[in-house]
PDB file of N, CA and C in Angstrom:
ATOM      1  N   MET A   1      67.778  22.242-159.857  1.00  0.00           N
ATOM      2  CA  MET A   1      69.134  22.932-159.436  1.00  0.00           C
ATOM      3  C   MET A   1      70.096  22.210-161.055  1.00  0.00           C
ATOM      4  N   LEU A   2      69.950  21.118-161.640  1.00  0.00           N
ATOM      5  CA  LEU A   2      70.725  20.976-162.400  1.00  0.00           C
ATOM      6  C   LEU A   2      70.913  22.094-163.775  1.00  0.00           C
ATOM      7  N   ILE A   3      70.191  23.512-163.966  1.00  0.00           N
ATOM      8  CA  ILE A   3      70.223  24.713-164.569  1.00  0.00           C
ATOM      9  C   ILE A   3      70.919  25.460-163.555  1.00  0.00           C
ATOM     10  N   GLY A   4      71.145  24.993-162.166  1.00  0.00           N
ATOM     11  CA  GLY A   4      71.982  26.099-161.949  1.00  0.00           C
ATOM     12  C   GLY A   4      73.435  25.223-161.940  1.00  0.00           C
ATOM     13  N   ILE A   5      73.479  24.342-161.981  1.00  0.00           N
ATOM     14  CA  ILE A   5      74.988  23.239-162.628  1.00  0.00           C
ATOM     15  C   ILE A   5      76.039  23.895-163.588  1.00  0.00           C
ATOM     16  N   ALA A   6      74.344  24.301-164.776  1.00  0.00           N
ATOM     17  CA  ALA A   6      74.199  24.290-165.440  1.00  0.00           C
ATOM     18  C   ALA A   6      75.685  25.647-166.418  1.00  0.00           C
ATOM     19  N   VAL A   7      74.532  26.962-165.347  1.00  0.00           N
ATOM     20  CA  VAL A   7      75.208  28.175-165.434  1.00  0.00           C
ATOM     21  C   VAL A   7      75.945  27.863-164.794  1.00  0.00           C
ATOM     22  N   ILE A   8      76.688  27.548-163.682  1.00  0.00           N
ATOM     23  CA  ILE A   8      77.938  27.186-163.113  1.00  0.00           C
ATOM     24  C   ILE A   8      78.591  27.085-164.136  1.00  0.00           C
ATOM     25  N   ILE A   9      79.044  25.831-164.710  1.00  0.00           N
ATOM     26  CA  ILE A   9      80.563  25.887-166.414  1.00  0.00           C
ATOM     27  C   ILE A   9      80.142  26.841-167.255  1.00  0.00           C
ATOM     28  N   ALA A  10      78.680  26.779-167.663  1.00  0.00           N
ATOM     29  CA  ALA A  10      78.877  28.379-168.464  1.00  0.00           C
ATOM     30  C   ALA A  10      79.700  29.139-168.339  1.00  0.00           C
ATOM     31  N   GLY A  11      79.349  29.841-167.090  1.00  0.00           N
ATOM     32  CA  GLY A  11      80.212  30.815-166.585  1.00  0.00           C
ATOM     33  C   GLY A  11      81.911  29.860-166.139  1.00  0.00           C
ATOM     34  N   PHE A  12      82.014  29.139-165.835  1.00  0.00           N
ATOM     35  CA  PHE A  12      83.866  28.255-166.034  1.00  0.00           C
ATOM     36  C   PHE A  12      84.458  28.692-168.031  1.00  0.00           C
ATOM     37  N   ALA A  13      83.348  27.620-168.683  1.00  0.00           N
ATOM     38  CA  ALA A  13      84.096  27.818-170.152  1.00  0.00           C
ATOM     39  C   ALA A  13      83.972  29.372-170.483  1.00  0.00           C
ATOM     40  N   ILE A  14      83.428  30.314-169.952  1.00  0.00           N
ATOM     41  CA  ILE A  14      83.483  32.382-170.212  1.00  0.00           C
ATOM     42  C   ILE A  14      84.855  32.430-169.388  1.00  0.00           C
ATOM     43  N   ILE A  15      85.210  32.055-168.828  1.00  0.00           N
ATOM     44  CA  ILE A  15      86.573  32.231-168.175  1.00  0.00           C
ATOM     45  C   ILE A  15      87.495  31.513-168.591  1.00  0.00           C
ATOM     46  N   GLY A  16      87.319  30.281-169.535  1.00  0.00           N
ATOM     47  CA  GLY A  16      88.452  29.487-170.204  1.00  0.00           C
ATOM     48  C   GLY A  16      88.147  30.303-171.882  1.00  0.00           C
ATOM     49  N   LEU A  17      87.334  30.517-171.914  1.00  0.00           N
ATOM     50  CA  LEU A  17      87.330  31.431-173.770  1.00  0.00           C
ATOM     51  C   LEU A  17      87.978  32.639-174.087  1.00  0.00           C
ATOM     52  N   ASP A  18      88.091  32.962-172.216  1.00  0.00           N
ATOM     53  CA  ASP A  18      89.004  34.725-172.764  1.00  0.00           C
ATOM     54  C   ASP A  18      89.979  34.511-173.690  1.00  0.00           C
ATOM     55  N   PRO A  19      90.309  35.576-174.644  1.00  0.00           N
ATOM     56  CA  PRO A  19      91.216  35.466-175.456  1.00  0.00           C
ATOM     57  C   PRO A  19      92.407  36.040-174.904  1.00  0.00           C
ATOM     58  N   VAL A  20      92.279  37.226-174.273  1.00  0.00           N
ATOM     59  CA  VAL A  20      93.124  37.403-173.273  1.00  0.00           C
ATOM     60  C   VAL A  20      93.927  36.750-172.395  1.00  0.00           C
ATOM     61  N   GLN A  21      96.026  36.512-172.906  1.00  0.00           N
ATOM     62  CA  GLN A  21      96.272  35.342-171.750  1.00  0.00           C
ATOM     63  C   GLN A  21      95.879  35.008-170.699  1.00  0.00           C
ATOM     64  N   HIS A  22      95.991  34.043-170.118  1.00  0.00           N
ATOM     65  CA  HIS A  22      95.560  33.798-168.807  1.00  0.00           C
ATOM     66  C   HIS A  22      94.087  34.712-168.240  1.00  0.00           C
ATOM     67  N   GLY A  23      93.538  34.433-168.859  1.00  0.00           N
ATOM     68  CA  GLY A  23      92.093  35.471-168.495  1.00  0.00           C
ATOM     69  C   GLY A  23      92.310  36.719-167.804  1.00  0.00           C
ATOM     70  N   PHE A  24      93.068  37.397-168.170  1.00  0.00           N
ATOM     71  CA  PHE A  24      93.104  38.585-167.532  1.00  0.00           C
ATOM     72  C   PHE A  24      92.320  39.773-168.140  1.00  0.00           C
ATOM     73  N   GLY A  25      91.176  39.494-169.089  1.00  0.00           N
ATOM     74  CA  GLY A  25      90.106  40.373-170.056  1.00  0.00           C
ATOM     75  C   GLY A  25      88.878  40.283-169.063  1.00  0.00           C
ATOM     76  N   PHE A  26      88.270  40.900-169.849  1.00  0.00           N
ATOM     77  CA  PHE A  26      86.671  41.408-169.816  1.00  0.00           C
ATOM     78  C   PHE A  26      85.852  39.703-169.101  1.00  0.00           C
ATOM     79  N   MET A  27      85.940  38.638-170.381  1.00  0.00           N
ATOM     80  CA  MET A  27      85.233  37.789-169.387  1.00  0.00           C
ATOM     81  C   MET A  27      85.962  37.221-168.743  1.00  0.00           C
ATOM     82  N   GLY A  28      87.531  36.946-168.509  1.00  0.00           N
ATOM     83  CA  GLY A  28      87.606  36.121-167.471  1.00  0.00           C
ATOM     84  C   GLY A  28      88.171  37.181-166.378  1.00  0.00           C
ATOM     85  N   LEU A  29      88.046  37.585-166.418  1.00  0.00           N
ATOM     86  CA  LEU A  29      88.152  39.071-164.956  1.00  0.00           C
ATOM     87  C   LEU A  29      85.853  39.517-164.336  1.00  0.00           C
ATOM     88  N   THR A  30      85.545  39.654-165.266  1.00  0.00           N
ATOM     89  CA  THR A  30      84.527  40.321-165.086  1.00  0.00           C
ATOM     90  C   THR A  30      83.174  39.418-164.903  1.00  0.00           C
ATOM     91  N   LEU A  31      82.986  38.558-166.247  1.00  0.00           N
ATOM     92  CA  LEU A  31      81.811  38.131-167.235  1.00  0.00           C
ATOM     93  C   LEU A  31      81.425  36.602-166.502  1.00  0.00           C
ATOM     94  N   GLY A  32      82.913  35.767-166.643  1.00  0.00           N
ATOM     95  CA  GLY A  32      82.581  34.800-166.196  1.00  0.00           C
ATOM     96  C   GLY A  32      82.515  34.930-164.668  1.00  0.00           C
ATOM     97  N   PRO A  33      82.719  35.606-163.985  1.00  0.00           N
ATOM     98  CA  PRO A  33      82.886  35.146-162.167  1.00  0.00           C
ATOM     99  C   PRO A  33      81.458  35.447-162.046  1.00  0.00           C
ATOM    100  N   ILE A  34      80.374  36.643-162.497  1.00  0.00           N
ATOM    101  CA  ILE A  34      79.237  37.118-162.384  1.00  0.00           C
ATOM    102  C   ILE A  34      78.690  36.384-163.175  1.00  0.00           C
ATOM    103  N   VAL A  35      78.623  35.209-163.863  1.00  0.00           N
ATOM    104  CA  VAL A  35      77.719  34.011-164.175  1.00  0.00           C
ATOM    105  C   VAL A  35      77.751  33.074-163.389  1.00  0.00           C
ATOM    106  N   VAL A  36      79.766  32.797-162.900  1.00  0.00           N
ATOM    107  CA  VAL A  36      79.455  31.500-161.829  1.00  0.00           C
ATOM    108  C   VAL A  36      78.892  31.859-160.989  1.00  0.00           C
ATOM    109  N   LEU A  37      78.738  33.503-159.895  1.00  0.00           N
ATOM    110  CA  LEU A  37      77.545  33.480-159.203  1.00  0.00           C
ATOM    111  C   LEU A  37      76.278  33.583-159.131  1.00  0.00           C
ATOM    112  N   ALA A  38      76.071  33.869-160.168  1.00  0.00           N
ATOM    113  CA  ALA A  38      74.298  34.048-160.527  1.00  0.00           C
ATOM    114  C   ALA A  38      74.211  32.255-160.396  1.00  0.00           C
ATOM    115  N   GLY A  39      74.684  31.489-161.120  1.00  0.00           N
ATOM    116  CA  GLY A  39      74.905  29.837-160.658  1.00  0.00           C
ATOM    117  C   GLY A  39      74.816  29.724-159.019  1.00  0.00           C
ATOM    118  N   PHE A  40      75.935  29.792-158.467  1.00  0.00           N
ATOM    119  CA  PHE A  40      75.392  29.424-157.274  1.00  0.00           C
ATOM    120  C   PHE A  40      74.238  30.240-156.743  1.00  0.00           C
ATOM    121  N   VAL A  41      74.426  31.533-156.806  1.00  0.00           N
ATOM    122  CA  VAL A  41      72.691  32.054-155.973  1.00  0.00           C
ATOM    123  C   VAL A  41      71.759  31.027-156.820  1.00  0.00           C
ATOM    124  N   PHE A  42      71.294  30.723-157.874  1.00  0.00           N
ATOM    125  CA  PHE A  42      70.371  29.812-158.437  1.00  0.00           C
ATOM    126  C   PHE A  42      70.209  28.280-157.205  1.00  0.00           C
ATOM    127  N   GLU A  43      71.431  27.937-157.392  1.00  0.00           N
ATOM    128  CA  GLU A  43      72.068  26.963-156.756  1.00  0.00           C
ATOM    129  C   GLU A  43      71.271  26.905-155.188  1.00  0.00           C
ATOM    130  N   PHE A  44      71.312  27.952-154.500  1.00  0.00           N
ATOM    131  CA  PHE A  44      71.294  27.660-152.772  1.00  0.00           C
ATOM    132  C   PHE A  44      69.683  28.265-153.097  1.00  0.00           C
ATOM    133  N   TYR A  45      68.894  28.628-153.922  1.00  0.00           N
ATOM    134  CA  TYR A  45      67.204  29.056-154.229  1.00  0.00           C
ATOM    135  C   TYR A  45      66.554  27.986-154.356  1.00  0.00           C
ATOM    136  N   ALA A  46      67.646  26.794-155.732  1.00  0.00           N
ATOM    137  CA  ALA A  46      66.878  25.826-155.579  1.00  0.00           C
ATOM    138  C   ALA A  46      67.031  24.827-154.937  1.00  0.00           C
ATOM    139  N   ILE A  47      67.928  24.904-153.624  1.00  0.00           N
ATOM    140  CA  ILE A  47      68.380  23.885-152.503  1.00  0.00           C
ATOM    141  C   ILE A  47      66.850  24.346-150.977  1.00  0.00           C
ATOM    142  N   PHE A  48      66.688  25.967-150.821  1.00  0.00           N
ATOM    143  CA  PHE A  48      65.693  26.450-150.022  1.00  0.00           C
ATOM    144  C   PHE A  48      64.479  26.367-150.367  1.00  0.00           C
ATOM    145  N   TYR A  49      64.128  26.651-151.687  1.00  0.00           N
ATOM    146  CA  TYR A  49      62.573  26.826-151.539  1.00  0.00           C
ATOM    147  C   TYR A  49      62.194  25.672-151.728  1.00  0.00           C
ATOM    148  N   LYS A  50      61.562  26.000-150.629  1.00  0.00           N
ATOM    149  CA  LYS A  50      60.120  25.070-149.828  1.00  0.00           C
ATOM    150  C   LYS A  50      59.141  24.994-150.980  1.00  0.00           C
ATOM    151  N   ALA A  51      58.695  23.823-151.170  1.00  0.00           N
ATOM    152  CA  ALA A  51      56.884  23.918-152.340  1.00  0.00           C
ATOM    153  C   ALA A  51      55.680  23.905-151.549  1.00  0.00           C
ATOM    154  N   ASP A  52      54.700  24.257-151.683  1.00  0.00           N
ATOM    155  CA  ASP A  52      54.167  24.102-150.784  1.00  0.00           C
ATOM    156  C   ASP A  52      52.811  23.209-151.656  1.00  0.00           C
TER     157      ASP A  52
END
């Protein structure tokens, strides 16, 4: 779960590092949200994974 949280934080950092004003560039509108979404998907997988 810590990996998922780190990926989500990295996604928000990517959004914040976008050089275009107000985050309207590629990093702020495309790359960052995809990374954040991947982090949330990883979190859901980590929560619902059932170890045998």
